Amino acid sequence: MSSYKKLFLPGFSLALIGMGLSISIEAGFWKWNGSPTWEWVLMGTFGLVIFNTGLSLFGEAVIRASKEKN
């Protein structure tokens, strides 16, 4: 694997994890501030999708790194 991919995939996946958590937490604030239900549910779902994508990509980066060391 090229050094670009070694650096890009883990960094990008961690950025997605952070962004997904931030969006989900923001959706919680929207809920308690009285926003319409569809708004905070949609935003929370979007945040969880981004978070899970980041976890999947991070897992893939770990698998690739462990295969490379063997």
PDB file of N, CA and C in Angstrom:
ATOM      1  N   MET A   1       0.844  -1.175   0.000  1.00  0.00           N
ATOM      2  CA  MET A   1       0.000   0.000   0.000  1.00  0.00           C
ATOM      3  C   MET A   1       0.892   1.241   0.000  1.00  0.00           C
ATOM      4  N   SER A   2       0.484   2.220  -0.752  1.00  0.00           N
ATOM      5  CA  SER A   2       1.283   3.439  -0.833  1.00  0.00           C
ATOM      6  C   SER A   2       1.222   4.214   0.484  1.00  0.00           C
ATOM      7  N   SER A   3       2.210   5.055   0.695  1.00  0.00           N
ATOM      8  CA  SER A   3       2.247   5.816   1.945  1.00  0.00           C
ATOM      9  C   SER A   3       1.082   6.802   2.026  1.00  0.00           C
ATOM     10  N   TYR A   4       0.590   7.233   0.857  1.00  0.00           N
ATOM     11  CA  TYR A   4      -0.564   8.138   0.846  1.00  0.00           C
ATOM     12  C   TYR A   4      -1.782   7.445   1.456  1.00  0.00           C
ATOM     13  N   LYS A   5      -2.035   6.212   1.061  1.00  0.00           N
ATOM     14  CA  LYS A   5      -3.173   5.484   1.594  1.00  0.00           C
ATOM     15  C   LYS A   5      -2.980   5.143   3.062  1.00  0.00           C
ATOM     16  N   LYS A   6      -1.755   4.903   3.465  1.00  0.00           N
ATOM     17  CA  LYS A   6      -1.481   4.606   4.867  1.00  0.00           C
ATOM     18  C   LYS A   6      -1.866   5.783   5.754  1.00  0.00           C
ATOM     19  N   LEU A   7      -1.662   6.969   5.272  1.00  0.00           N
ATOM     20  CA  LEU A   7      -1.971   8.160   6.057  1.00  0.00           C
ATOM     21  C   LEU A   7      -3.406   8.650   5.859  1.00  0.00           C
ATOM     22  N   PHE A   8      -3.922   8.501   4.659  1.00  0.00           N
ATOM     23  CA  PHE A   8      -5.224   9.070   4.339  1.00  0.00           C
ATOM     24  C   PHE A   8      -6.372   8.303   4.985  1.00  0.00           C
ATOM     25  N   LEU A   9      -6.388   6.989   4.855  1.00  0.00           N
ATOM     26  CA  LEU A   9      -7.537   6.215   5.323  1.00  0.00           C
ATOM     27  C   LEU A   9      -7.750   6.324   6.836  1.00  0.00           C
ATOM     28  N   PRO A  10      -6.720   6.136   7.666  1.00  0.00           N
ATOM     29  CA  PRO A  10      -6.973   6.289   9.107  1.00  0.00           C
ATOM     30  C   PRO A  10      -7.377   7.713   9.498  1.00  0.00           C
ATOM     31  N   GLY A  11      -6.737   8.697   8.916  1.00  0.00           N
ATOM     32  CA  GLY A  11      -7.067  10.085   9.240  1.00  0.00           C
ATOM     33  C   GLY A  11      -8.469  10.461   8.813  1.00  0.00           C
ATOM     34  N   PHE A  12      -8.844  10.047   7.616  1.00  0.00           N
ATOM     35  CA  PHE A  12     -10.177  10.348   7.106  1.00  0.00           C
ATOM     36  C   PHE A  12     -11.241   9.641   7.937  1.00  0.00           C
ATOM     37  N   SER A  13     -10.965   8.397   8.309  1.00  0.00           N
ATOM     38  CA  SER A  13     -11.953   7.654   9.096  1.00  0.00           C
ATOM     39  C   SER A  13     -12.137   8.278  10.474  1.00  0.00           C
ATOM     40  N   LEU A  14     -11.063   8.732  11.095  1.00  0.00           N
ATOM     41  CA  LEU A  14     -11.194   9.383  12.403  1.00  0.00           C
ATOM     42  C   LEU A  14     -11.931  10.711  12.285  1.00  0.00           C
ATOM     43  N   ALA A  15     -11.736  11.413  11.188  1.00  0.00           N
ATOM     44  CA  ALA A  15     -12.479  12.658  10.962  1.00  0.00           C
ATOM     45  C   ALA A  15     -13.975  12.371  10.818  1.00  0.00           C
ATOM     46  N   LEU A  16     -14.321  11.286  10.128  1.00  0.00           N
ATOM     47  CA  LEU A  16     -15.732  10.914   9.988  1.00  0.00           C
ATOM     48  C   LEU A  16     -16.338  10.521  11.330  1.00  0.00           C
ATOM     49  N   ILE A  17     -15.573   9.805  12.141  1.00  0.00           N
ATOM     50  CA  ILE A  17     -16.071   9.419  13.462  1.00  0.00           C
ATOM     51  C   ILE A  17     -16.384  10.668  14.288  1.00  0.00           C
ATOM     52  N   GLY A  18     -15.468  11.605  14.310  1.00  0.00           N
ATOM     53  CA  GLY A  18     -15.687  12.841  15.059  1.00  0.00           C
ATOM     54  C   GLY A  18     -16.846  13.654  14.528  1.00  0.00           C
ATOM     55  N   MET A  19     -16.958  13.743  13.213  1.00  0.00           N
ATOM     56  CA  MET A  19     -18.038  14.508  12.620  1.00  0.00           C
ATOM     57  C   MET A  19     -19.386  13.851  12.913  1.00  0.00           C
ATOM     58  N   GLY A  20     -19.444  12.522  12.823  1.00  0.00           N
ATOM     59  CA  GLY A  20     -20.692  11.816  13.103  1.00  0.00           C
ATOM     60  C   GLY A  20     -21.148  11.989  14.537  1.00  0.00           C
ATOM     61  N   LEU A  21     -20.194  11.915  15.468  1.00  0.00           N
ATOM     62  CA  LEU A  21     -20.547  12.129  16.871  1.00  0.00           C
ATOM     63  C   LEU A  21     -21.027  13.563  17.107  1.00  0.00           C
ATOM     64  N   SER A  22     -20.365  14.514  16.502  1.00  0.00           N
ATOM     65  CA  SER A  22     -20.757  15.920  16.673  1.00  0.00           C
ATOM     66  C   SER A  22     -22.155  16.178  16.139  1.00  0.00           C
ATOM     67  N   ILE A  23     -22.460  15.612  14.992  1.00  0.00           N
ATOM     68  CA  ILE A  23     -23.789  15.803  14.407  1.00  0.00           C
ATOM     69  C   ILE A  23     -24.857  15.144  15.271  1.00  0.00           C
ATOM     70  N   SER A  24     -24.574  13.951  15.782  1.00  0.00           N
ATOM     71  CA  SER A  24     -25.545  13.260  16.633  1.00  0.00           C
ATOM     72  C   SER A  24     -25.788  14.020  17.932  1.00  0.00           C
ATOM     73  N   ILE A  25     -24.746  14.557  18.516  1.00  0.00           N
ATOM     74  CA  ILE A  25     -24.903  15.348  19.741  1.00  0.00           C
ATOM     75  C   ILE A  25     -25.694  16.618  19.455  1.00  0.00           C
ATOM     76  N   GLU A  26     -25.419  17.241  18.319  1.00  0.00           N
ATOM     77  CA  GLU A  26     -26.179  18.435  17.934  1.00  0.00           C
ATOM     78  C   GLU A  26     -27.658  18.111  17.765  1.00  0.00           C
ATOM     79  N   ALA A  27     -27.963  16.938  17.221  1.00  0.00           N
ATOM     80  CA  ALA A  27     -29.362  16.524  17.075  1.00  0.00           C
ATOM     81  C   ALA A  27     -30.031  16.387  18.443  1.00  0.00           C
ATOM     82  N   GLY A  28     -29.273  15.928  19.426  1.00  0.00           N
ATOM     83  CA  GLY A  28     -29.811  15.865  20.781  1.00  0.00           C
ATOM     84  C   GLY A  28     -30.140  17.236  21.337  1.00  0.00           C
ATOM     85  N   PHE A  29     -29.293  18.208  21.052  1.00  0.00           N
ATOM     86  CA  PHE A  29     -29.584  19.587  21.474  1.00  0.00           C
ATOM     87  C   PHE A  29     -30.842  20.106  20.781  1.00  0.00           C
ATOM     88  N   TRP A  30     -30.986  19.767  19.499  1.00  0.00           N
ATOM     89  CA  TRP A  30     -32.184  20.194  18.768  1.00  0.00           C
ATOM     90  C   TRP A  30     -33.441  19.610  19.410  1.00  0.00           C
ATOM     91  N   LYS A  31     -33.347  18.349  19.847  1.00  0.00           N
ATOM     92  CA  LYS A  31     -34.500  17.701  20.474  1.00  0.00           C
ATOM     93  C   LYS A  31     -34.920  18.454  21.726  1.00  0.00           C
ATOM     94  N   TRP A  32     -33.970  18.772  22.576  1.00  0.00           N
ATOM     95  CA  TRP A  32     -34.297  19.419  23.843  1.00  0.00           C
ATOM     96  C   TRP A  32     -34.637  20.897  23.682  1.00  0.00           C
ATOM     97  N   ASN A  33     -34.309  21.483  22.535  1.00  0.00           N
ATOM     98  CA  ASN A  33     -34.679  22.883  22.281  1.00  0.00           C
ATOM     99  C   ASN A  33     -36.037  23.016  21.616  1.00  0.00           C
ATOM    100  N   GLY A  34     -36.714  21.899  21.394  1.00  0.00           N
ATOM    101  CA  GLY A  34     -38.075  21.944  20.882  1.00  0.00           C
ATOM    102  C   GLY A  34     -38.205  21.956  19.374  1.00  0.00           C
ATOM    103  N   SER A  35     -37.176  21.538  18.646  1.00  0.00           N
ATOM    104  CA  SER A  35     -37.292  21.468  17.186  1.00  0.00           C
ATOM    105  C   SER A  35     -38.303  20.392  16.804  1.00  0.00           C
ATOM    106  N   PRO A  36     -38.884  20.507  15.623  1.00  0.00           N
ATOM    107  CA  PRO A  36     -39.805  19.464  15.175  1.00  0.00           C
ATOM    108  C   PRO A  36     -39.119  18.089  15.146  1.00  0.00           C
ATOM    109  N   THR A  37     -39.900  17.070  15.421  1.00  0.00           N
ATOM    110  CA  THR A  37     -39.354  15.721  15.549  1.00  0.00           C
ATOM    111  C   THR A  37     -38.601  15.285  14.306  1.00  0.00           C
ATOM    112  N   TRP A  38     -39.146  15.552  13.138  1.00  0.00           N
ATOM    113  CA  TRP A  38     -38.506  15.063  11.916  1.00  0.00           C
ATOM    114  C   TRP A  38     -37.121  15.665  11.726  1.00  0.00           C
ATOM    115  N   GLU A  39     -36.902  16.888  12.200  1.00  0.00           N
ATOM    116  CA  GLU A  39     -35.594  17.530  12.029  1.00  0.00           C
ATOM    117  C   GLU A  39     -34.509  16.838  12.843  1.00  0.00           C
ATOM    118  N   TRP A  40     -34.752  16.630  14.147  1.00  0.00           N
ATOM    119  CA  TRP A  40     -33.700  16.038  14.963  1.00  0.00           C
ATOM    120  C   TRP A  40     -33.536  14.550  14.701  1.00  0.00           C
ATOM    121  N   VAL A  41     -34.623  13.866  14.312  1.00  0.00           N
ATOM    122  CA  VAL A  41     -34.500  12.444  13.964  1.00  0.00           C
ATOM    123  C   VAL A  41     -33.668  12.293  12.693  1.00  0.00           C
ATOM    124  N   LEU A  42     -33.935  13.113  11.696  1.00  0.00           N
ATOM    125  CA  LEU A  42     -33.180  13.052  10.447  1.00  0.00           C
ATOM    126  C   LEU A  42     -31.712  13.403  10.674  1.00  0.00           C
ATOM    127  N   MET A  43     -31.459  14.444  11.455  1.00  0.00           N
ATOM    128  CA  MET A  43     -30.080  14.849  11.726  1.00  0.00           C
ATOM    129  C   MET A  43     -29.353  13.789  12.555  1.00  0.00           C
ATOM    130  N   GLY A  44     -30.015  13.212  13.536  1.00  0.00           N
ATOM    131  CA  GLY A  44     -29.395  12.169  14.340  1.00  0.00           C
ATOM    132  C   GLY A  44     -29.078  10.927  13.533  1.00  0.00           C
ATOM    133  N   THR A  45     -29.988  10.555  12.641  1.00  0.00           N
ATOM    134  CA  THR A  45     -29.757   9.397  11.777  1.00  0.00           C
ATOM    135  C   THR A  45     -28.588   9.658  10.842  1.00  0.00           C
ATOM    136  N   PHE A  46     -28.530  10.842  10.288  1.00  0.00           N
ATOM    137  CA  PHE A  46     -27.419  11.213   9.411  1.00  0.00           C
ATOM    138  C   PHE A  46     -26.095  11.145  10.164  1.00  0.00           C
ATOM    139  N   GLY A  47     -26.079  11.640  11.393  1.00  0.00           N
ATOM    140  CA  GLY A  47     -24.872  11.589  12.210  1.00  0.00           C
ATOM    141  C   GLY A  47     -24.438  10.163  12.496  1.00  0.00           C
ATOM    142  N   LEU A  48     -25.391   9.287  12.792  1.00  0.00           N
ATOM    143  CA  LEU A  48     -25.054   7.892  13.064  1.00  0.00           C
ATOM    144  C   LEU A  48     -24.539   7.168  11.826  1.00  0.00           C
ATOM    145  N   VAL A  49     -25.084   7.509  10.661  1.00  0.00           N
ATOM    146  CA  VAL A  49     -24.589   6.914   9.416  1.00  0.00           C
ATOM    147  C   VAL A  49     -23.133   7.314   9.179  1.00  0.00           C
ATOM    148  N   ILE A  50     -22.827   8.580   9.374  1.00  0.00           N
ATOM    149  CA  ILE A  50     -21.454   9.058   9.199  1.00  0.00           C
ATOM    150  C   ILE A  50     -20.526   8.404  10.225  1.00  0.00           C
ATOM    151  N   PHE A  51     -20.977   8.306  11.475  1.00  0.00           N
ATOM    152  CA  PHE A  51     -20.178   7.679  12.530  1.00  0.00           C
ATOM    153  C   PHE A  51     -19.867   6.227  12.188  1.00  0.00           C
ATOM    154  N   ASN A  52     -20.874   5.476  11.764  1.00  0.00           N
ATOM    155  CA  ASN A  52     -20.661   4.065  11.425  1.00  0.00           C
ATOM    156  C   ASN A  52     -19.780   3.892  10.196  1.00  0.00           C
ATOM    157  N   THR A  53     -19.877   4.801   9.249  1.00  0.00           N
ATOM    158  CA  THR A  53     -18.986   4.762   8.091  1.00  0.00           C
ATOM    159  C   THR A  53     -17.543   4.972   8.531  1.00  0.00           C
ATOM    160  N   GLY A  54     -17.330   5.918   9.431  1.00  0.00           N
ATOM    161  CA  GLY A  54     -15.987   6.157   9.961  1.00  0.00           C
ATOM    162  C   GLY A  54     -15.436   4.949  10.689  1.00  0.00           C
ATOM    163  N   LEU A  55     -16.281   4.274  11.483  1.00  0.00           N
ATOM    164  CA  LEU A  55     -15.837   3.065  12.179  1.00  0.00           C
ATOM    165  C   LEU A  55     -15.457   1.963  11.192  1.00  0.00           C
ATOM    166  N   SER A  56     -16.250   1.807  10.153  1.00  0.00           N
ATOM    167  CA  SER A  56     -15.956   0.785   9.151  1.00  0.00           C
ATOM    168  C   SER A  56     -14.639   1.063   8.436  1.00  0.00           C
ATOM    169  N   LEU A  57     -14.432   2.307   8.056  1.00  0.00           N
ATOM    170  CA  LEU A  57     -13.189   2.658   7.377  1.00  0.00           C
ATOM    171  C   LEU A  57     -11.983   2.527   8.297  1.00  0.00           C
ATOM    172  N   PHE A  58     -12.151   2.857   9.573  1.00  0.00           N
ATOM    173  CA  PHE A  58     -11.056   2.702  10.521  1.00  0.00           C
ATOM    174  C   PHE A  58     -10.714   1.225  10.707  1.00  0.00           C
ATOM    175  N   GLY A  59     -11.736   0.384  10.787  1.00  0.00           N
ATOM    176  CA  GLY A  59     -11.498  -1.055  10.868  1.00  0.00           C
ATOM    177  C   GLY A  59     -10.765  -1.571   9.651  1.00  0.00           C
ATOM    178  N   GLU A  60     -11.134  -1.075   8.493  1.00  0.00           N
ATOM    179  CA  GLU A  60     -10.447  -1.474   7.256  1.00  0.00           C
ATOM    180  C   GLU A  60      -8.992  -1.033   7.279  1.00  0.00           C
ATOM    181  N   ALA A  61      -8.735   0.156   7.793  1.00  0.00           N
ATOM    182  CA  ALA A  61      -7.355   0.639   7.886  1.00  0.00           C
ATOM    183  C   ALA A  61      -6.537  -0.224   8.837  1.00  0.00           C
ATOM    184  N   VAL A  62      -7.132  -0.646   9.942  1.00  0.00           N
ATOM    185  CA  VAL A  62      -6.431  -1.510  10.897  1.00  0.00           C
ATOM    186  C   VAL A  62      -6.138  -2.866  10.264  1.00  0.00           C
ATOM    187  N   ILE A  63      -7.099  -3.410   9.545  1.00  0.00           N
ATOM    188  CA  ILE A  63      -6.897  -4.709   8.871  1.00  0.00           C
ATOM    189  C   ILE A  63      -5.780  -4.604   7.848  1.00  0.00           C
ATOM    190  N   ARG A  64      -5.800  -3.547   7.055  1.00  0.00           N
ATOM    191  CA  ARG A  64      -4.738  -3.378   6.047  1.00  0.00           C
ATOM    192  C   ARG A  64      -3.371  -3.216   6.690  1.00  0.00           C
ATOM    193  N   ALA A  65      -3.311  -2.479   7.774  1.00  0.00           N
ATOM    194  CA  ALA A  65      -2.021  -2.279   8.453  1.00  0.00           C
ATOM    195  C   ALA A  65      -1.508  -3.567   9.057  1.00  0.00           C
ATOM    196  N   SER A  66      -2.396  -4.389   9.608  1.00  0.00           N
ATOM    197  CA  SER A  66      -1.949  -5.642  10.212  1.00  0.00           C
ATOM    198  C   SER A  66      -1.520  -6.649   9.151  1.00  0.00           C
ATOM    199  N   LYS A  67      -2.171  -6.642   7.990  1.00  0.00           N
ATOM    200  CA  LYS A  67      -1.768  -7.539   6.907  1.00  0.00           C
ATOM    201  C   LYS A  67      -0.409  -7.149   6.350  1.00  0.00           C
ATOM    202  N   GLU A  68      -0.151  -5.849   6.343  1.00  0.00           N
ATOM    203  CA  GLU A  68       1.118  -5.363   5.802  1.00  0.00           C
ATOM    204  C   GLU A  68       2.298  -5.731   6.685  1.00  0.00           C
ATOM    205  N   LYS A  69       2.071  -5.793   7.983  1.00  0.00           N
ATOM    206  CA  LYS A  69       3.154  -6.120   8.912  1.00  0.00           C
ATOM    207  C   LYS A  69       3.513  -7.602   8.859  1.00  0.00           C
ATOM    208  N   ASN A  70       2.581  -8.448   8.460  1.00  0.00           N
ATOM    209  CA  ASN A  70       2.844  -9.900   8.396  1.00  0.00           C
ATOM    210  C   ASN A  70       3.517 -10.307   7.144  1.00  0.00           C
TER     211      ASN A  70
END
